[in-house]
Protein backbone atom coordinates (compact mmCIF):
# COMPACT_ATOMS: atom_id res chain seq x y z
CA MET A 1 85.66 87.80 120.97
CA GLU A 2 87.25 86.24 117.89
CA ARG A 3 91.06 86.79 116.85
CA LEU A 4 93.06 87.00 113.68
CA TRP A 5 96.29 86.31 114.23
CA ALA A 6 98.57 89.00 111.92
CA PRO A 7 102.13 89.55 113.27
CA TRP A 8 103.43 91.04 109.95
CA ARG A 9 101.27 94.07 110.74
CA ASN A 10 103.20 94.83 114.10
CA THR A 11 106.33 96.35 112.13
CA TYR A 12 103.75 98.69 110.07
CA ILE A 13 102.07 99.75 113.60
CA LEU A 14 105.34 100.42 115.45
CA LYS A 15 106.51 102.58 112.68
CA ALA A 16 103.46 104.54 112.39
CA GLN A 17 103.17 105.18 116.22
CA SER A 18 106.89 106.20 116.34
CA GLY A 19 106.75 108.44 113.58
CA GLU A 20 109.82 106.79 111.86
CA GLY A 21 107.51 105.50 108.91
CA GLY A 22 108.47 107.64 106.40
CA CYS A 23 106.57 107.38 102.80
CA ILE A 24 106.53 104.18 101.45
CA PHE A 25 105.87 105.72 98.06
CA CYS A 26 109.10 107.40 98.17
CA ASP A 27 111.28 105.05 100.42
CA LEU A 28 110.54 102.01 98.55
CA PRO A 29 111.27 102.91 94.94
CA ARG A 30 114.73 104.26 96.01
CA GLU A 31 115.58 101.06 97.48
CA ASN A 32 116.14 99.41 94.10
CA GLN A 33 114.60 96.15 95.63
CA ASP A 34 111.37 95.77 93.40
CA GLN A 35 110.89 91.90 94.26
CA LYS A 36 111.38 92.74 98.07
CA ASN A 37 108.93 95.82 98.03
CA PHE A 38 106.74 94.37 95.42
CA ILE A 39 107.02 97.11 92.92
CA VAL A 40 105.54 95.24 89.76
CA ARG A 41 106.28 97.78 87.27
CA ARG A 42 108.13 101.44 86.95
CA GLY A 43 107.37 103.79 84.28
CA LYS A 44 109.16 107.16 83.90
CA THR A 45 107.05 109.36 86.39
CA ALA A 46 104.88 106.56 88.29
CA PHE A 47 105.27 103.19 89.32
CA VAL A 48 103.01 100.06 90.05
CA LEU A 49 103.20 97.94 93.56
CA LEU A 50 101.17 95.37 95.32
CA ASN A 51 99.03 96.56 98.62
CA ILE A 52 100.66 94.49 101.24
CA TYR A 53 97.31 94.67 103.07
CA PRO A 54 95.09 94.20 100.21
CA TYR A 55 91.21 94.09 99.80
CA ASN A 56 91.54 91.46 97.70
CA ASN A 57 94.07 89.27 95.82
CA GLY A 58 95.92 91.35 93.05
CA HIS A 59 95.13 94.69 94.65
CA LEU A 60 97.57 97.22 93.02
CA MET A 61 98.31 100.73 93.85
CA VAL A 62 99.82 103.46 91.39
CA ALA A 63 101.72 106.45 92.60
CA PRO A 64 103.86 109.03 91.06
CA TYR A 65 107.55 109.21 92.27
CA ARG A 66 107.42 112.68 93.10
CA HIS A 67 105.89 113.25 96.74
CA ILE A 68 102.71 115.19 96.13
CA ALA A 69 99.18 114.99 97.71
CA THR A 70 96.70 116.40 95.35
CA LEU A 71 95.61 115.68 91.76
CA PRO A 72 96.23 119.14 90.58
CA ALA A 73 99.73 118.93 91.53
CA LEU A 74 100.16 116.00 88.77
CA THR A 75 102.02 117.17 85.60
CA GLU A 76 100.30 116.18 82.16
CA GLU A 77 103.28 113.68 81.78
CA GLU A 78 102.38 111.94 85.29
CA SER A 79 98.69 111.95 84.80
CA LEU A 80 99.01 110.32 81.50
CA GLU A 81 101.24 107.56 82.56
CA ILE A 82 99.52 106.90 85.71
CA MET A 83 96.22 106.31 83.61
CA LYS A 84 98.32 104.11 81.29
CA LEU A 85 99.59 101.99 83.99
CA LEU A 86 96.17 101.75 85.60
CA ALA A 87 94.89 100.43 82.24
CA GLN A 88 97.72 97.85 81.74
CA ALA A 89 96.95 96.45 85.30
CA GLU A 90 93.37 96.17 84.34
CA THR A 91 94.34 94.27 81.34
CA THR A 92 96.99 92.40 82.85
CA LEU A 93 94.81 91.23 86.00
CA ARG A 94 91.83 90.58 83.74
CA LYS A 95 93.93 87.90 81.85
CA ILE A 96 95.85 86.08 84.60
CA MET A 97 93.39 86.18 87.56
CA LYS A 98 90.12 86.46 85.40
CA ALA A 99 89.16 89.59 87.16
CA GLU A 100 85.86 90.31 86.21
CA ASN A 101 85.61 94.10 87.39
CA PHE A 102 87.46 96.45 89.41
CA ASN A 103 87.25 99.25 92.10
CA ILE A 104 89.45 102.14 91.16
CA GLY A 105 89.77 104.92 94.02
CA ILE A 106 91.94 107.46 95.49
CA ASN A 107 91.69 108.58 99.27
CA LEU A 108 92.70 112.16 99.53
CA GLY A 109 93.55 113.06 102.78
CA ARG A 110 93.35 111.30 106.14
CA ALA A 111 89.64 112.02 106.35
CA ALA A 112 88.89 110.25 103.22
CA GLY A 113 91.00 107.32 104.83
CA ALA A 114 94.12 107.72 103.17
CA GLY A 115 97.00 105.78 105.46
CA TYR A 116 99.56 107.98 103.53
CA ASP A 117 97.58 111.15 103.05
CA GLU A 118 100.73 113.29 101.91
CA HIS A 119 101.62 111.09 98.85
CA LEU A 120 98.81 110.74 96.14
CA HIS A 121 98.26 107.13 94.91
CA PHE A 122 95.46 105.17 93.15
CA HIS A 123 94.16 101.88 94.33
CA LEU A 124 93.01 99.12 91.48
CA VAL A 125 91.41 96.37 93.56
CA PRO A 126 90.03 93.10 91.31
CA ARG A 127 86.49 91.86 91.63
CA TRP A 128 84.73 88.70 90.82
CA ASN A 129 80.75 87.99 90.79
CA GLY A 130 80.45 86.27 94.37
CA ASP A 131 83.46 87.42 95.67
CA THR A 132 81.62 88.59 98.96
CA ASN A 133 80.81 85.80 101.13
CA PHE A 134 79.79 85.07 104.70
CA MET A 135 83.13 85.48 106.11
CA PRO A 136 83.44 89.45 106.03
CA VAL A 137 79.65 89.78 107.08
CA VAL A 138 79.60 87.18 109.73
CA CYS A 139 83.10 87.28 111.00
CA ASN A 140 84.53 90.55 109.87
CA THR A 141 87.31 88.67 108.09
CA LYS A 142 88.63 88.83 104.65
CA VAL A 143 89.97 85.49 103.28
CA LEU A 144 92.90 86.01 100.74
CA SER A 145 93.55 82.68 98.80
CA GLN A 146 97.00 83.72 97.24
CA SER A 147 100.41 84.95 98.90
CA LEU A 148 101.76 88.40 97.91
CA GLU A 149 104.89 86.41 96.71
CA GLU A 150 102.62 84.73 94.23
CA SER A 151 100.82 87.53 92.98
CA TYR A 152 104.08 89.47 92.50
CA ARG A 153 105.23 86.34 90.36
CA LEU A 154 102.30 86.16 88.15
CA ILE A 155 101.76 89.71 87.74
CA THR A 156 105.24 90.60 86.80
CA SER A 157 105.70 87.76 84.36
CA SER A 158 102.64 88.76 82.60
CA TRP A 159 102.38 92.27 82.57
CA GLN A 160 100.23 93.85 79.57
CA GLU A 161 101.63 96.76 77.70
CA LYS A 162 98.22 97.11 75.81
């Protein structure tokens, strides 16, 4: 059996097992340490942050500040701002990472795969033609070529409002 050493995941695992994990989408914005928490953009009702367990480089999440779990619970203002932030993120990642396409998704509830099932959030995953290779298929391992710190620096310094 092959092993991939990932010690940074232990903090997440221990918090989840102890029940002390809280909600990252509520807790991180309150800390006002955006660089440390990889919050790349703040809006009035929602914010954008890097996923620290990304599917691809530049994997972003957009969430409302309010702790809500369903789409009908969103206000019109939150819905509009989330869509604007997703569009700005797409524009930014197309420019700085040369992303060709995107997967955008929402996991509503634990059975749908949500790690944080009580706080609605959207995933935006940049994709490139040919970005799948033998590693995920043969080794069940995803290779990420850029650090979270480098992704954060590029995205925040090049954020596209339109």
